[in-house]
N, C-alpha and C. Protein backbone atom coordinates (compact mmCIF):
# COMPACT_ATOMS: atom_id res chain seq x y z
N MET A 1 0.88 -1.33 0.07
CA MET A 1 0.01 -0.14 0.12
C MET A 1 0.82 1.13 0.00
N GLU A 2 0.41 2.20 -0.60
CA GLU A 2 1.16 3.43 -0.69
C GLU A 2 0.17 4.60 -0.32
N THR A 3 0.89 5.61 0.29
CA THR A 3 -0.04 6.79 0.80
C THR A 3 0.00 7.88 -0.30
N THR A 4 -1.19 8.40 -0.49
CA THR A 4 -1.24 9.56 -1.52
C THR A 4 -1.80 10.79 -0.86
N GLY A 5 -1.85 11.93 -1.34
CA GLY A 5 -2.53 13.07 -0.91
C GLY A 5 -3.98 12.71 -0.69
N LYS A 6 -4.75 11.88 -1.31
CA LYS A 6 -6.10 11.66 -1.24
C LYS A 6 -6.29 10.41 -0.27
N GLY A 7 -5.30 9.79 0.09
CA GLY A 7 -5.65 8.53 1.08
C GLY A 7 -4.60 7.71 0.71
N VAL A 8 -5.07 6.17 0.89
CA VAL A 8 -4.09 5.26 0.83
C VAL A 8 -4.29 4.43 -0.41
N SER A 9 -3.29 4.27 -1.28
CA SER A 9 -3.52 3.40 -2.34
C SER A 9 -2.97 1.95 -2.01
N MET A 10 -4.15 0.93 -1.91
CA MET A 10 -3.97 -0.29 -1.57
C MET A 10 -3.64 -1.22 -2.74
N THR A 11 -2.44 -1.50 -3.05
CA THR A 11 -2.15 -2.35 -4.13
C THR A 11 -2.44 -3.97 -3.67
N GLU A 12 -2.22 -4.17 -2.36
CA GLU A 12 -2.57 -5.45 -1.81
C GLU A 12 -3.20 -5.20 -0.47
N ILE A 13 -4.43 -5.51 -0.28
CA ILE A 13 -5.05 -5.15 1.02
C ILE A 13 -4.72 -6.19 1.92
N ARG A 14 -3.59 -5.94 2.52
CA ARG A 14 -3.17 -7.08 3.68
C ARG A 14 -2.21 -6.33 4.66
N VAL A 15 -1.50 -5.23 3.99
CA VAL A 15 -0.41 -4.55 4.95
C VAL A 15 -0.93 -3.16 5.37
N CYS A 16 -0.93 -2.92 6.72
CA CYS A 16 -1.02 -1.57 7.32
C CYS A 16 0.00 -0.72 6.99
N VAL A 17 -0.37 0.53 6.61
CA VAL A 17 0.83 1.64 6.25
C VAL A 17 1.05 2.35 7.28
N VAL A 18 0.51 2.28 8.55
CA VAL A 18 0.76 2.86 9.76
C VAL A 18 2.03 2.30 10.60
N CYS A 19 1.70 0.74 10.71
CA CYS A 19 2.51 -0.04 11.41
C CYS A 19 3.33 -1.16 10.78
N ASP A 20 2.85 -1.22 9.56
CA ASP A 20 3.57 -2.32 8.82
C ASP A 20 3.10 -3.84 9.20
N TYR A 21 1.93 -3.99 9.71
CA TYR A 21 1.51 -5.20 10.17
C TYR A 21 1.13 -5.87 8.75
N GLN A 22 1.50 -7.13 8.69
CA GLN A 22 1.46 -7.67 7.15
C GLN A 22 0.33 -8.98 7.10
N ARG A 23 -0.41 -9.12 8.08
CA ARG A 23 -1.27 -10.44 8.07
C ARG A 23 -2.74 -10.14 7.90
N GLY A 24 -3.05 -8.96 7.24
CA GLY A 24 -4.49 -8.80 6.92
C GLY A 24 -5.10 -7.87 8.00
N PHE A 25 -6.41 -7.84 7.92
CA PHE A 25 -7.23 -6.86 8.68
C PHE A 25 -8.44 -7.57 9.38
N HIS A 26 -8.95 -7.04 10.32
CA HIS A 26 -10.30 -7.48 10.91
C HIS A 26 -11.24 -6.45 10.17
N PHE A 27 -12.48 -6.61 10.27
CA PHE A 27 -13.49 -5.84 9.67
C PHE A 27 -14.66 -5.47 10.61
N SER A 28 -15.23 -4.38 10.16
CA SER A 28 -16.47 -3.99 10.97
C SER A 28 -17.37 -3.44 9.95
N VAL A 29 -18.57 -3.41 10.29
CA VAL A 29 -19.77 -2.70 9.46
C VAL A 29 -20.05 -1.35 9.95
N LYS A 30 -20.10 -0.41 9.40
CA LYS A 30 -20.49 1.01 9.73
C LYS A 30 -21.85 1.39 8.87
N SER A 31 -22.82 1.67 9.65
CA SER A 31 -24.15 2.03 9.01
C SER A 31 -24.23 3.55 9.29
N ASP A 32 -24.78 4.12 8.06
CA ASP A 32 -25.14 5.69 8.16
C ASP A 32 -26.33 5.79 7.17
N GLU A 33 -26.96 7.22 6.81
CA GLU A 33 -27.94 7.28 6.16
C GLU A 33 -27.81 6.85 4.62
N ASN A 34 -26.47 6.66 4.26
CA ASN A 34 -25.96 6.12 2.86
C ASN A 34 -25.99 4.74 2.78
N GLY A 35 -26.31 3.95 3.85
CA GLY A 35 -26.09 2.22 3.80
C GLY A 35 -25.13 1.83 4.86
N HIS A 36 -24.69 0.45 4.36
CA HIS A 36 -23.78 -0.19 5.46
C HIS A 36 -22.45 -0.32 4.55
N HIS A 37 -21.27 0.15 5.27
CA HIS A 37 -20.12 0.13 4.58
C HIS A 37 -19.05 -0.72 5.54
N LEU A 38 -18.17 -1.41 4.79
CA LEU A 38 -17.28 -2.13 5.29
C LEU A 38 -15.93 -1.45 5.85
N VAL A 39 -15.48 -1.63 7.09
CA VAL A 39 -14.43 -0.90 7.45
C VAL A 39 -13.31 -1.77 7.85
N LEU A 40 -12.21 -1.68 7.32
CA LEU A 40 -10.96 -2.63 7.68
C LEU A 40 -10.17 -1.96 8.74
N ILE A 41 -9.83 -2.78 9.68
CA ILE A 41 -9.26 -2.45 11.17
C ILE A 41 -7.89 -3.28 11.17
N CYS A 42 -6.94 -2.52 11.42
CA CYS A 42 -5.48 -3.24 11.62
C CYS A 42 -5.57 -3.99 13.06
N PRO A 43 -5.43 -5.18 12.99
CA PRO A 43 -5.50 -5.82 14.48
C PRO A 43 -4.38 -5.56 15.50
N SER A 44 -3.18 -4.87 14.84
CA SER A 44 -2.00 -4.49 15.56
C SER A 44 -2.10 -2.98 16.27
N CYS A 45 -2.26 -2.18 15.54
CA CYS A 45 -2.45 -0.64 15.82
C CYS A 45 -3.86 -0.18 15.79
N GLY A 46 -4.92 -0.67 15.27
CA GLY A 46 -6.03 -0.15 15.28
C GLY A 46 -6.54 0.76 14.36
N GLN A 47 -5.39 1.15 13.32
CA GLN A 47 -5.77 2.04 12.42
C GLN A 47 -6.85 1.38 11.53
N SER A 48 -7.84 2.24 11.20
CA SER A 48 -9.06 1.77 10.28
C SER A 48 -8.84 2.47 8.99
N TYR A 49 -9.57 1.81 8.07
CA TYR A 49 -9.57 2.27 6.62
C TYR A 49 -10.95 1.97 5.98
N ARG A 50 -11.46 2.94 5.20
CA ARG A 50 -12.79 2.91 4.66
C ARG A 50 -12.43 2.64 2.97
N PRO A 51 -12.29 1.49 2.63
CA PRO A 51 -12.14 1.12 1.12
C PRO A 51 -13.31 1.68 0.29
N GLY A 52 -14.52 1.83 0.69
CA GLY A 52 -15.57 2.27 -0.24
C GLY A 52 -16.46 1.17 -0.60
N TRP A 53 -16.49 -0.11 0.04
CA TRP A 53 -17.14 -1.03 -0.28
C TRP A 53 -18.62 -1.15 0.52
N GLN A 54 -19.57 -0.89 -0.16
CA GLN A 54 -20.91 -0.94 0.43
C GLN A 54 -21.53 -2.25 0.48
N LEU A 55 -22.33 -2.49 1.59
CA LEU A 55 -23.13 -3.93 1.73
C LEU A 55 -24.47 -3.89 1.75
N THR A 56 -25.03 -4.89 1.33
CA THR A 56 -26.50 -5.06 1.44
C THR A 56 -26.57 -6.14 2.58
N LEU A 57 -27.35 -5.80 3.55
CA LEU A 57 -27.76 -6.73 4.59
C LEU A 57 -29.10 -7.22 4.51
N ALA A 58 -29.01 -8.74 4.59
CA ALA A 58 -30.20 -9.39 4.34
C ALA A 58 -31.20 -9.46 5.42
N ALA A 59 -30.76 -9.04 6.69
CA ALA A 59 -31.60 -9.00 7.72
C ALA A 59 -31.41 -7.79 8.67
N GLU A 60 -32.43 -7.43 9.26
CA GLU A 60 -32.36 -6.12 10.29
C GLU A 60 -31.59 -6.50 11.51
N HIS A 61 -31.50 -7.57 11.94
CA HIS A 61 -30.78 -7.85 13.20
C HIS A 61 -29.83 -9.07 13.09
N LEU A 62 -28.63 -9.01 13.89
CA LEU A 62 -27.75 -10.09 13.85
C LEU A 62 -28.42 -11.36 14.43
N GLU A 63 -28.04 -12.48 13.65
CA GLU A 63 -28.38 -13.69 14.18
C GLU A 63 -27.31 -14.50 14.95
N LYS A 64 -27.24 -14.93 16.24
CA LYS A 64 -26.21 -15.57 16.80
C LYS A 64 -25.64 -16.90 15.79
N GLY A 65 -24.50 -17.01 15.55
CA GLY A 65 -23.95 -18.27 15.03
C GLY A 65 -23.08 -19.02 16.11
N ALA A 66 -22.21 -19.88 15.43
CA ALA A 66 -21.31 -20.62 16.13
C ALA A 66 -20.38 -19.87 17.18
N VAL A 67 -19.91 -20.38 18.22
CA VAL A 67 -18.88 -19.86 19.00
C VAL A 67 -17.63 -20.54 18.64
N TYR A 68 -16.55 -19.80 18.21
CA TYR A 68 -15.11 -20.29 17.72
C TYR A 68 -14.21 -20.11 18.87
N GLU A 69 -13.49 -21.17 19.34
CA GLU A 69 -12.47 -20.94 20.57
C GLU A 69 -11.26 -21.24 20.00
């Protein structure tokens, strides 16, 4: 990934440009008046990135799934 004046140019969406963590991202869903958007979060330093990916959710509420340990 490279930084530009307009943000971050991600040639490979795996490496955090802030701390150089190289094993991918956690993600979160941010909802606003324009819909639901995916947010990438570095598990090492916490820096977040909004790649512009919009989601369509099939349900209004989350349904509990399996618990992984």
